[in-house]
């Protein structure tokens, strides 16, 4: 089997949905892609064609592309989870990792409308609105997902439920946030 049309459809639908929900300009300027990025000759050419084609259709220029597999390897079933965890790190710290396993982009990789680089891209965490996770399977096992930043998610929840209910939620959630911070601090103390 080989990469199918399903990934074109799933990825394009994810981007279109995000543009509708958070705005086209936000996606054009403040989003990034977590590529499946196995680096095999067949996969890298087909995936880059998908990403470049969707970027072109959506008028996205210089779309940042990351590939967490260069750090963790091919984790098979957990690959989407790796992309999710990496994206949460980008939203928390603002640093989109470069694809460190390359010195340069291969000649058969489509780069039009994409920013593929071994170097990290750093912005303020608030400058990222969305991440697109692309699990590019073979033989039809394709999945794409949109992950919105905490700021975007918060704004959508406030709009839907109102400021009063949002403030009430924050107040009720204070003890949870305190426990999270305490756990985080404890973990840092245990690092040798």
N, C-alpha and C. Protein backbone atom coordinates (compact mmCIF):
# COMPACT_ATOMS: atom_id res chain seq x y z
N UNK A 1 0.85 -1.19 0.00
CA UNK A 1 0.00 0.00 0.00
C UNK A 1 0.89 1.24 0.00
N UNK A 2 0.27 2.36 -0.29
CA UNK A 2 1.02 3.62 -0.35
C UNK A 2 0.13 4.73 0.21
N UNK A 3 0.71 5.91 0.45
CA UNK A 3 -0.09 7.01 0.99
C UNK A 3 -1.30 7.29 0.11
N UNK A 4 -2.45 7.41 0.74
CA UNK A 4 -3.68 7.58 -0.01
C UNK A 4 -4.20 9.00 0.01
N UNK A 5 -5.30 9.18 -0.72
CA UNK A 5 -5.94 10.49 -0.82
C UNK A 5 -6.56 10.91 0.51
N UNK A 6 -6.76 9.94 1.39
CA UNK A 6 -7.38 10.25 2.68
C UNK A 6 -6.65 11.31 3.46
N UNK A 7 -5.32 11.32 3.39
CA UNK A 7 -4.58 12.33 4.14
C UNK A 7 -4.77 13.72 3.55
N UNK A 8 -4.90 13.82 2.23
CA UNK A 8 -5.20 15.13 1.62
C UNK A 8 -6.52 15.65 2.19
N UNK A 9 -7.51 14.78 2.22
CA UNK A 9 -8.84 15.19 2.67
C UNK A 9 -8.85 15.52 4.15
N UNK A 10 -8.28 14.63 4.98
CA UNK A 10 -8.33 14.86 6.43
C UNK A 10 -7.56 16.12 6.82
N UNK A 11 -6.41 16.34 6.20
CA UNK A 11 -5.62 17.51 6.55
C UNK A 11 -6.28 18.80 6.06
N UNK A 12 -6.76 18.80 4.85
CA UNK A 12 -7.43 20.00 4.31
C UNK A 12 -8.68 20.34 5.12
N UNK A 13 -9.43 19.32 5.52
CA UNK A 13 -10.63 19.58 6.33
C UNK A 13 -10.26 20.16 7.69
N UNK A 14 -9.19 19.67 8.29
CA UNK A 14 -8.76 20.20 9.59
C UNK A 14 -8.39 21.68 9.48
N UNK A 15 -7.65 22.03 8.44
CA UNK A 15 -7.25 23.43 8.25
C UNK A 15 -8.46 24.31 7.95
N UNK A 16 -9.34 23.83 7.09
CA UNK A 16 -10.55 24.61 6.76
C UNK A 16 -11.40 24.84 8.00
N UNK A 17 -11.55 23.82 8.82
CA UNK A 17 -12.35 23.96 10.04
C UNK A 17 -11.73 24.99 10.99
N UNK A 18 -10.42 24.92 11.15
CA UNK A 18 -9.74 25.88 12.03
C UNK A 18 -9.87 27.30 11.50
N UNK A 19 -9.76 27.46 10.19
CA UNK A 19 -9.91 28.80 9.61
C UNK A 19 -11.31 29.33 9.87
N UNK A 20 -12.30 28.47 9.81
CA UNK A 20 -13.67 28.89 10.07
C UNK A 20 -13.86 29.24 11.55
N UNK A 21 -13.27 28.44 12.44
CA UNK A 21 -13.50 28.61 13.87
C UNK A 21 -12.70 29.75 14.50
N UNK A 22 -11.46 29.94 14.08
CA UNK A 22 -10.62 30.96 14.73
C UNK A 22 -10.17 32.07 13.80
N UNK A 23 -10.51 31.94 12.53
CA UNK A 23 -10.18 32.99 11.57
C UNK A 23 -9.03 32.60 10.65
N UNK A 24 -9.20 32.91 9.40
CA UNK A 24 -8.21 32.54 8.39
C UNK A 24 -6.86 33.21 8.64
N UNK A 25 -6.87 34.50 9.01
CA UNK A 25 -5.60 35.19 9.23
C UNK A 25 -4.85 34.61 10.42
N UNK A 26 -5.56 34.22 11.44
CA UNK A 26 -4.92 33.59 12.59
C UNK A 26 -4.18 32.32 12.16
N UNK A 27 -4.82 31.50 11.36
CA UNK A 27 -4.20 30.26 10.90
C UNK A 27 -3.05 30.56 9.95
N UNK A 28 -3.21 31.54 9.10
CA UNK A 28 -2.14 31.88 8.15
C UNK A 28 -0.88 32.37 8.84
N UNK A 29 -1.02 33.08 9.94
CA UNK A 29 0.14 33.75 10.55
C UNK A 29 0.58 33.16 11.89
N UNK A 30 -0.30 32.38 12.54
CA UNK A 30 -0.02 32.01 13.92
C UNK A 30 -0.22 30.51 14.18
N UNK A 31 -0.01 29.70 13.15
CA UNK A 31 -0.16 28.25 13.33
C UNK A 31 1.09 27.54 12.83
N UNK A 32 1.19 26.27 13.16
CA UNK A 32 2.29 25.44 12.70
C UNK A 32 1.80 24.02 12.49
N UNK A 33 2.63 23.23 11.84
CA UNK A 33 2.30 21.84 11.52
C UNK A 33 3.23 20.91 12.27
N UNK A 34 2.67 19.88 12.86
CA UNK A 34 3.45 18.77 13.40
C UNK A 34 3.38 17.67 12.35
N UNK A 35 4.40 17.56 11.53
CA UNK A 35 4.40 16.60 10.43
C UNK A 35 4.63 15.19 10.94
N UNK A 36 4.09 14.24 10.21
CA UNK A 36 4.35 12.82 10.51
C UNK A 36 5.85 12.58 10.44
N UNK A 37 6.48 13.11 9.39
CA UNK A 37 7.91 13.28 9.30
C UNK A 37 8.79 12.07 9.54
N UNK A 38 8.48 10.93 8.93
CA UNK A 38 9.36 9.78 9.13
C UNK A 38 10.63 9.91 8.33
N UNK A 39 10.63 10.72 7.29
CA UNK A 39 11.83 10.94 6.50
C UNK A 39 12.09 9.87 5.45
N UNK A 40 11.20 8.90 5.31
CA UNK A 40 11.39 7.93 4.23
C UNK A 40 11.16 8.63 2.91
N UNK A 41 11.85 8.23 1.85
CA UNK A 41 11.70 8.94 0.57
C UNK A 41 10.25 9.04 0.09
N UNK A 42 9.49 7.97 0.20
CA UNK A 42 8.10 8.04 -0.26
C UNK A 42 7.26 8.93 0.65
N UNK A 43 7.42 8.78 1.94
CA UNK A 43 6.61 9.53 2.88
C UNK A 43 6.93 11.01 2.85
N UNK A 44 8.21 11.36 2.81
CA UNK A 44 8.55 12.79 2.86
C UNK A 44 8.07 13.52 1.62
N UNK A 45 8.10 12.88 0.47
CA UNK A 45 7.63 13.57 -0.74
C UNK A 45 6.11 13.72 -0.73
N UNK A 46 5.41 12.66 -0.38
CA UNK A 46 3.94 12.75 -0.40
C UNK A 46 3.42 13.67 0.69
N UNK A 47 4.01 13.59 1.90
CA UNK A 47 3.53 14.46 2.96
C UNK A 47 3.83 15.93 2.65
N UNK A 48 5.01 16.20 2.14
CA UNK A 48 5.34 17.60 1.83
C UNK A 48 4.43 18.13 0.72
N UNK A 49 4.03 17.27 -0.23
CA UNK A 49 3.09 17.70 -1.27
C UNK A 49 1.74 18.07 -0.66
N UNK A 50 1.29 17.26 0.31
CA UNK A 50 0.02 17.54 0.99
C UNK A 50 0.11 18.88 1.73
N UNK A 51 1.14 19.05 2.54
CA UNK A 51 1.27 20.27 3.34
C UNK A 51 1.40 21.50 2.45
N UNK A 52 2.22 21.40 1.42
CA UNK A 52 2.42 22.52 0.51
C UNK A 52 1.14 22.84 -0.26
N UNK A 53 0.45 21.81 -0.71
CA UNK A 53 -0.78 22.02 -1.47
C UNK A 53 -1.87 22.66 -0.64
N UNK A 54 -2.03 22.21 0.60
CA UNK A 54 -3.03 22.81 1.48
C UNK A 54 -2.64 24.25 1.82
N UNK A 55 -1.36 24.48 2.09
CA UNK A 55 -0.91 25.84 2.37
C UNK A 55 -1.21 26.77 1.19
N UNK A 56 -0.92 26.31 -0.01
CA UNK A 56 -1.18 27.12 -1.20
C UNK A 56 -2.67 27.42 -1.34
N UNK A 57 -3.50 26.39 -1.19
CA UNK A 57 -4.95 26.56 -1.34
C UNK A 57 -5.51 27.53 -0.29
N UNK A 58 -4.90 27.55 0.89
CA UNK A 58 -5.37 28.40 1.99
C UNK A 58 -4.62 29.72 2.09
N UNK A 59 -3.74 29.98 1.10
CA UNK A 59 -2.95 31.20 1.06
C UNK A 59 -2.08 31.39 2.30
N UNK A 60 -1.47 30.28 2.72
CA UNK A 60 -0.52 30.32 3.84
C UNK A 60 0.88 30.37 3.25
N UNK A 61 1.67 31.32 3.69
CA UNK A 61 3.06 31.45 3.24
C UNK A 61 3.99 31.12 4.40
N UNK A 62 5.09 30.44 4.13
CA UNK A 62 6.12 30.19 5.12
C UNK A 62 5.57 29.52 6.38
N UNK A 63 4.80 28.44 6.19
CA UNK A 63 4.14 27.73 7.28
C UNK A 63 5.16 26.90 8.03
N UNK A 64 5.38 27.16 9.31
CA UNK A 64 6.38 26.40 10.06
C UNK A 64 5.99 24.93 10.21
N UNK A 65 6.96 24.06 9.98
CA UNK A 65 6.75 22.61 10.06
C UNK A 65 7.75 22.02 11.04
N UNK A 66 7.25 21.24 12.00
CA UNK A 66 8.09 20.52 12.95
C UNK A 66 7.86 19.03 12.75
N UNK A 67 8.76 18.22 13.28
CA UNK A 67 8.62 16.76 13.21
C UNK A 67 9.25 16.16 14.47
N UNK A 68 8.43 15.90 15.47
CA UNK A 68 8.91 15.44 16.77
C UNK A 68 9.67 14.11 16.68
N UNK A 69 9.43 13.34 15.62
CA UNK A 69 10.12 12.05 15.50
C UNK A 69 11.62 12.20 15.44
N UNK A 70 12.12 13.36 15.05
CA UNK A 70 13.58 13.54 15.04
C UNK A 70 14.14 13.50 16.45
N UNK A 71 13.30 13.66 17.47
CA UNK A 71 13.74 13.60 18.86
C UNK A 71 13.40 12.28 19.54
N UNK A 72 12.26 11.69 19.19
CA UNK A 72 11.79 10.51 19.92
C UNK A 72 11.74 9.24 19.08
N UNK A 73 12.01 9.35 17.80
CA UNK A 73 11.90 8.17 16.94
C UNK A 73 10.47 7.91 16.54
N UNK A 74 10.24 6.79 15.91
CA UNK A 74 8.91 6.42 15.41
C UNK A 74 8.21 5.58 16.46
N UNK A 75 7.32 6.22 17.22
CA UNK A 75 6.67 5.55 18.33
C UNK A 75 5.39 4.83 17.94
N UNK A 76 5.14 4.72 16.67
CA UNK A 76 3.98 4.01 16.11
C UNK A 76 2.67 4.55 16.67
N UNK A 77 1.98 3.80 17.49
CA UNK A 77 0.65 4.19 17.94
C UNK A 77 0.65 5.49 18.73
N UNK A 78 1.75 5.82 19.37
CA UNK A 78 1.81 7.02 20.20
C UNK A 78 2.26 8.26 19.44
N UNK A 79 2.48 8.14 18.12
CA UNK A 79 3.02 9.27 17.36
C UNK A 79 2.15 10.52 17.47
N UNK A 80 0.84 10.37 17.39
CA UNK A 80 -0.05 11.52 17.54
C UNK A 80 0.05 12.13 18.93
N UNK A 81 0.21 11.29 19.95
CA UNK A 81 0.40 11.78 21.31
C UNK A 81 1.70 12.55 21.46
N UNK A 82 2.74 12.07 20.77
CA UNK A 82 4.01 12.80 20.78
C UNK A 82 3.83 14.18 20.16
N UNK A 83 3.10 14.25 19.06
CA UNK A 83 2.84 15.53 18.41
C UNK A 83 2.04 16.45 19.32
N UNK A 84 1.07 15.88 20.01
CA UNK A 84 0.24 16.65 20.93
C UNK A 84 1.09 17.21 22.07
N UNK A 85 1.92 16.37 22.68
CA UNK A 85 2.77 16.82 23.78
C UNK A 85 3.75 17.90 23.32
N UNK A 86 4.33 17.71 22.15
CA UNK A 86 5.25 18.70 21.61
C UNK A 86 4.53 20.03 21.38
N UNK A 87 3.32 19.98 20.85
CA UNK A 87 2.56 21.21 20.60
C UNK A 87 2.23 21.93 21.90
N UNK A 88 1.88 21.19 22.94
CA UNK A 88 1.62 21.82 24.24
C UNK A 88 2.87 22.52 24.76
N UNK A 89 4.03 21.93 24.50
CA UNK A 89 5.29 22.58 24.87
C UNK A 89 5.51 23.86 24.10
N UNK A 90 5.17 23.86 22.82
CA UNK A 90 5.29 25.08 22.01
C UNK A 90 4.37 26.16 22.57
N UNK A 91 3.13 25.79 22.90
CA UNK A 91 2.19 26.76 23.45
C UNK A 91 2.66 27.29 24.81
N UNK A 92 3.36 26.48 25.58
CA UNK A 92 3.83 26.89 26.91
C UNK A 92 5.09 27.75 26.84
N UNK A 93 6.00 27.42 25.91
CA UNK A 93 7.31 28.07 25.90
C UNK A 93 7.59 28.90 24.65
N UNK A 94 6.78 28.74 23.61
CA UNK A 94 6.94 29.54 22.40
C UNK A 94 7.98 29.03 21.42
N UNK A 95 8.66 27.94 21.74
CA UNK A 95 9.75 27.44 20.89
C UNK A 95 9.26 26.25 20.06
N UNK A 96 9.25 26.43 18.75
CA UNK A 96 8.92 25.33 17.84
C UNK A 96 10.24 24.66 17.46
N UNK A 97 10.42 23.39 17.83
CA UNK A 97 11.70 22.73 17.54
C UNK A 97 11.96 22.62 16.04
N UNK A 98 13.22 22.75 15.68
CA UNK A 98 13.62 22.49 14.30
C UNK A 98 13.69 20.99 14.06
N UNK A 99 13.84 20.61 12.82
CA UNK A 99 14.01 19.20 12.47
C UNK A 99 15.51 18.94 12.49
N UNK A 100 16.00 18.54 13.64
CA UNK A 100 17.43 18.50 13.91
C UNK A 100 18.16 17.34 13.25
N UNK A 101 17.44 16.43 12.67
CA UNK A 101 18.09 15.29 12.02
C UNK A 101 18.45 15.57 10.57
N UNK A 102 18.24 16.81 10.12
CA UNK A 102 18.61 17.17 8.75
C UNK A 102 19.63 18.30 8.77
N UNK A 103 20.53 18.25 7.81
CA UNK A 103 21.43 19.38 7.60
C UNK A 103 20.80 20.36 6.62
N UNK A 104 20.05 19.79 5.69
CA UNK A 104 19.33 20.58 4.68
C UNK A 104 18.10 19.77 4.27
N UNK A 105 17.16 20.44 3.68
CA UNK A 105 15.94 19.77 3.22
C UNK A 105 16.26 19.00 1.94
N UNK A 106 15.80 17.75 1.89
CA UNK A 106 16.07 16.90 0.73
C UNK A 106 15.47 17.51 -0.53
N UNK A 107 16.11 17.24 -1.66
CA UNK A 107 15.69 17.83 -2.94
C UNK A 107 14.29 17.38 -3.35
N UNK A 108 13.84 16.21 -2.91
CA UNK A 108 12.53 15.73 -3.32
C UNK A 108 11.40 16.17 -2.38
N UNK A 109 11.71 17.02 -1.42
CA UNK A 109 10.70 17.52 -0.49
C UNK A 109 10.16 18.85 -1.02
N UNK A 110 8.85 18.91 -1.15
CA UNK A 110 8.18 20.13 -1.60
C UNK A 110 8.28 21.17 -0.49
N UNK A 111 8.81 22.35 -0.81
CA UNK A 111 9.00 23.38 0.21
C UNK A 111 8.17 24.63 -0.03
N UNK A 112 7.50 24.71 -1.15
CA UNK A 112 6.72 25.90 -1.47
C UNK A 112 5.66 26.13 -0.39
N UNK A 113 5.63 27.32 0.16
CA UNK A 113 4.70 27.76 1.20
C UNK A 113 5.04 27.20 2.58
N UNK A 114 6.13 26.44 2.71
CA UNK A 114 6.48 25.81 3.98
C UNK A 114 7.79 26.36 4.52
N UNK A 115 7.95 26.32 5.84
CA UNK A 115 9.21 26.63 6.50
C UNK A 115 9.69 25.36 7.17
N UNK A 116 10.59 24.67 6.51
CA UNK A 116 11.18 23.43 7.04
C UNK A 116 12.64 23.73 7.31
N UNK A 117 13.03 23.57 8.58
CA UNK A 117 14.38 23.99 8.95
C UNK A 117 14.90 23.13 10.10
N UNK A 118 16.22 22.94 10.15
CA UNK A 118 16.80 22.26 11.32
C UNK A 118 16.87 23.18 12.55
N UNK A 119 16.63 24.46 12.35
CA UNK A 119 16.73 25.43 13.44
C UNK A 119 15.38 25.68 14.10
N UNK A 120 15.38 25.88 15.41
CA UNK A 120 14.12 26.17 16.09
C UNK A 120 13.60 27.56 15.72
N UNK A 121 12.32 27.73 15.90
CA UNK A 121 11.67 29.02 15.67
C UNK A 121 11.08 29.47 17.00
N UNK A 122 11.53 30.61 17.48
CA UNK A 122 11.06 31.08 18.78
C UNK A 122 10.19 32.32 18.62
N UNK A 123 9.05 32.26 19.28
CA UNK A 123 8.12 33.38 19.37
C UNK A 123 7.64 33.44 20.81
N UNK A 124 6.91 34.47 21.12
CA UNK A 124 6.23 34.51 22.41
C UNK A 124 5.17 33.42 22.40
N UNK A 125 4.94 32.71 23.52
CA UNK A 125 3.91 31.67 23.52
C UNK A 125 2.54 32.17 23.05
N UNK A 126 2.25 33.43 23.32
CA UNK A 126 0.95 33.99 22.92
C UNK A 126 0.85 34.20 21.41
N UNK A 127 1.97 34.07 20.70
CA UNK A 127 1.97 34.27 19.25
C UNK A 127 1.61 33.00 18.47
N UNK A 128 1.30 31.92 19.17
CA UNK A 128 0.85 30.69 18.51
C UNK A 128 -0.62 30.47 18.84
N UNK A 129 -1.44 30.27 17.81
CA UNK A 129 -2.87 30.03 18.01
C UNK A 129 -3.29 28.59 17.77
N UNK A 130 -2.59 27.87 16.90
CA UNK A 130 -3.04 26.52 16.56
C UNK A 130 -1.90 25.67 16.05
N UNK A 131 -2.06 24.38 16.27
CA UNK A 131 -1.14 23.38 15.75
C UNK A 131 -1.96 22.35 14.98
N UNK A 132 -1.41 21.89 13.88
CA UNK A 132 -2.06 20.84 13.09
C UNK A 132 -1.23 19.57 13.22
N UNK A 133 -1.85 18.53 13.76
CA UNK A 133 -1.19 17.25 13.92
C UNK A 133 -1.52 16.39 12.72
N UNK A 134 -0.50 15.82 12.09
CA UNK A 134 -0.73 15.03 10.89
C UNK A 134 -0.15 13.63 11.08
N UNK A 135 -1.04 12.65 11.25
CA UNK A 135 -0.63 11.25 11.30
C UNK A 135 -0.90 10.67 9.93
N UNK A 136 0.16 10.48 9.18
CA UNK A 136 0.03 10.12 7.77
C UNK A 136 0.27 8.63 7.61
N UNK A 137 -0.80 7.89 7.62
CA UNK A 137 -0.67 6.44 7.52
C UNK A 137 -0.61 5.95 6.10
N UNK A 138 -0.35 4.69 5.97
CA UNK A 138 -0.30 4.05 4.67
C UNK A 138 -1.52 3.14 4.55
N UNK A 139 -2.06 3.07 3.37
CA UNK A 139 -3.22 2.22 3.14
C UNK A 139 -4.50 2.77 3.74
N UNK A 140 -4.57 4.09 3.95
CA UNK A 140 -5.81 4.70 4.40
C UNK A 140 -5.87 5.02 5.87
N UNK A 141 -4.84 4.74 6.64
CA UNK A 141 -4.85 5.04 8.07
C UNK A 141 -4.37 6.47 8.30
N UNK A 142 -5.20 7.43 7.95
CA UNK A 142 -4.82 8.83 8.01
C UNK A 142 -5.64 9.56 9.06
N UNK A 143 -5.00 10.48 9.75
CA UNK A 143 -5.72 11.30 10.72
C UNK A 143 -5.04 12.65 10.81
N UNK A 144 -5.83 13.68 10.94
CA UNK A 144 -5.33 15.03 11.16
C UNK A 144 -6.17 15.65 12.25
N UNK A 145 -5.56 16.46 13.08
CA UNK A 145 -6.28 17.09 14.17
C UNK A 145 -5.80 18.53 14.33
N UNK A 146 -6.70 19.36 14.83
CA UNK A 146 -6.38 20.74 15.16
C UNK A 146 -6.27 20.83 16.67
N UNK A 147 -5.21 21.46 17.14
CA UNK A 147 -5.05 21.71 18.56
C UNK A 147 -4.96 23.22 18.72
N UNK A 148 -5.93 23.79 19.43
CA UNK A 148 -5.92 25.24 19.65
C UNK A 148 -5.12 25.57 20.90
N UNK A 149 -4.50 26.72 20.89
CA UNK A 149 -3.68 27.16 22.02
C UNK A 149 -4.56 27.41 23.24
N UNK A 150 -3.96 27.42 24.42
CA UNK A 150 -4.74 27.74 25.62
C UNK A 150 -5.41 29.11 25.54
N UNK A 151 -4.73 30.10 24.94
CA UNK A 151 -5.34 31.43 24.82
C UNK A 151 -6.59 31.40 23.95
N UNK A 152 -6.49 30.71 22.81
CA UNK A 152 -7.63 30.61 21.90
C UNK A 152 -8.77 29.84 22.55
N UNK A 153 -8.44 28.77 23.24
CA UNK A 153 -9.45 27.95 23.91
C UNK A 153 -10.15 28.76 25.00
N UNK A 154 -9.37 29.50 25.77
CA UNK A 154 -9.94 30.34 26.82
C UNK A 154 -10.89 31.38 26.23
N UNK A 155 -10.48 32.03 25.16
CA UNK A 155 -11.33 33.05 24.53
C UNK A 155 -12.64 32.44 24.04
N UNK A 156 -12.57 31.25 23.46
CA UNK A 156 -13.79 30.59 22.97
C UNK A 156 -14.72 30.20 24.12
N UNK A 157 -14.13 29.71 25.22
CA UNK A 157 -14.95 29.34 26.38
C UNK A 157 -15.59 30.57 27.02
N UNK A 158 -14.85 31.66 27.11
CA UNK A 158 -15.41 32.90 27.66
C UNK A 158 -16.56 33.40 26.80
N UNK A 159 -16.37 33.33 25.49
CA UNK A 159 -17.41 33.79 24.57
C UNK A 159 -18.66 32.92 24.71
N UNK A 160 -18.47 31.65 24.85
CA UNK A 160 -19.62 30.75 24.91
C UNK A 160 -20.36 30.82 26.24
N UNK A 161 -19.61 30.92 27.35
CA UNK A 161 -20.24 30.82 28.67
C UNK A 161 -20.36 32.15 29.41
N UNK A 162 -19.73 33.18 28.91
CA UNK A 162 -19.81 34.48 29.56
C UNK A 162 -18.72 34.69 30.58
N UNK A 163 -18.40 35.94 30.80
CA UNK A 163 -17.29 36.29 31.68
C UNK A 163 -17.56 35.86 33.12
N UNK A 164 -18.80 36.04 33.59
CA UNK A 164 -19.14 35.68 34.97
C UNK A 164 -18.89 34.20 35.23
N UNK A 165 -19.39 33.33 34.36
CA UNK A 165 -19.19 31.88 34.54
C UNK A 165 -17.71 31.51 34.42
N UNK A 166 -16.99 32.20 33.55
CA UNK A 166 -15.56 31.92 33.41
C UNK A 166 -14.81 32.28 34.70
N UNK A 167 -15.09 33.44 35.27
CA UNK A 167 -14.44 33.84 36.51
C UNK A 167 -14.80 32.89 37.65
N UNK A 168 -16.05 32.42 37.67
CA UNK A 168 -16.47 31.44 38.67
C UNK A 168 -15.68 30.14 38.52
N UNK A 169 -15.51 29.71 37.30
CA UNK A 169 -14.71 28.50 37.03
C UNK A 169 -13.27 28.68 37.52
N UNK A 170 -12.66 29.83 37.19
CA UNK A 170 -11.29 30.08 37.62
C UNK A 170 -11.17 30.04 39.15
N UNK A 171 -12.14 30.62 39.82
CA UNK A 171 -12.12 30.62 41.28
C UNK A 171 -12.21 29.18 41.82
N UNK A 172 -13.12 28.39 41.27
CA UNK A 172 -13.27 26.99 41.72
C UNK A 172 -12.06 26.14 41.36
N UNK A 173 -11.29 26.57 40.38
CA UNK A 173 -10.16 25.79 39.90
C UNK A 173 -8.83 26.18 40.58
N UNK A 174 -8.86 27.15 41.47
CA UNK A 174 -7.63 27.61 42.11
C UNK A 174 -6.90 26.49 42.85
N UNK A 175 -7.61 25.64 43.57
CA UNK A 175 -6.95 24.58 44.33
C UNK A 175 -6.30 23.56 43.38
N UNK A 176 -6.93 23.30 42.24
CA UNK A 176 -6.35 22.38 41.27
C UNK A 176 -5.05 22.96 40.72
N UNK A 177 -5.06 24.24 40.36
CA UNK A 177 -3.85 24.87 39.85
C UNK A 177 -2.74 24.88 40.90
N UNK A 178 -3.12 25.07 42.17
CA UNK A 178 -2.13 25.03 43.24
C UNK A 178 -1.51 23.65 43.38
N UNK A 179 -2.33 22.61 43.27
CA UNK A 179 -1.82 21.24 43.34
C UNK A 179 -0.92 20.93 42.15
N UNK A 180 -1.29 21.43 40.97
CA UNK A 180 -0.45 21.23 39.79
C UNK A 180 0.92 21.87 39.98
N UNK A 181 0.93 23.09 40.49
CA UNK A 181 2.19 23.79 40.70
C UNK A 181 3.04 23.08 41.74
N UNK A 182 2.41 22.61 42.80
CA UNK A 182 3.13 21.88 43.84
C UNK A 182 3.75 20.61 43.27
N UNK A 183 3.02 19.88 42.46
CA UNK A 183 3.53 18.66 41.83
C UNK A 183 4.69 18.99 40.88
N UNK A 184 4.54 20.03 40.10
CA UNK A 184 5.58 20.48 39.18
C UNK A 184 6.86 20.82 39.95
N UNK A 185 6.72 21.60 41.02
CA UNK A 185 7.87 21.99 41.82
C UNK A 185 8.55 20.77 42.45
N UNK A 186 7.75 19.81 42.89
CA UNK A 186 8.29 18.59 43.49
C UNK A 186 9.10 17.80 42.47
N UNK A 187 8.59 17.69 41.25
CA UNK A 187 9.32 16.98 40.20
C UNK A 187 10.67 17.65 39.91
N UNK A 188 10.67 18.97 39.87
CA UNK A 188 11.92 19.68 39.62
C UNK A 188 12.93 19.46 40.75
N UNK A 189 12.45 19.32 41.98
CA UNK A 189 13.35 19.05 43.11
C UNK A 189 14.02 17.68 43.00
N UNK A 190 13.33 16.72 42.35
CA UNK A 190 13.83 15.35 42.26
C UNK A 190 14.83 15.16 41.13
N UNK A 191 14.98 16.14 40.26
CA UNK A 191 15.93 16.02 39.16
C UNK A 191 17.34 16.15 39.71
N UNK A 192 18.21 15.16 39.42
CA UNK A 192 19.57 15.21 39.97
C UNK A 192 20.39 16.35 39.40
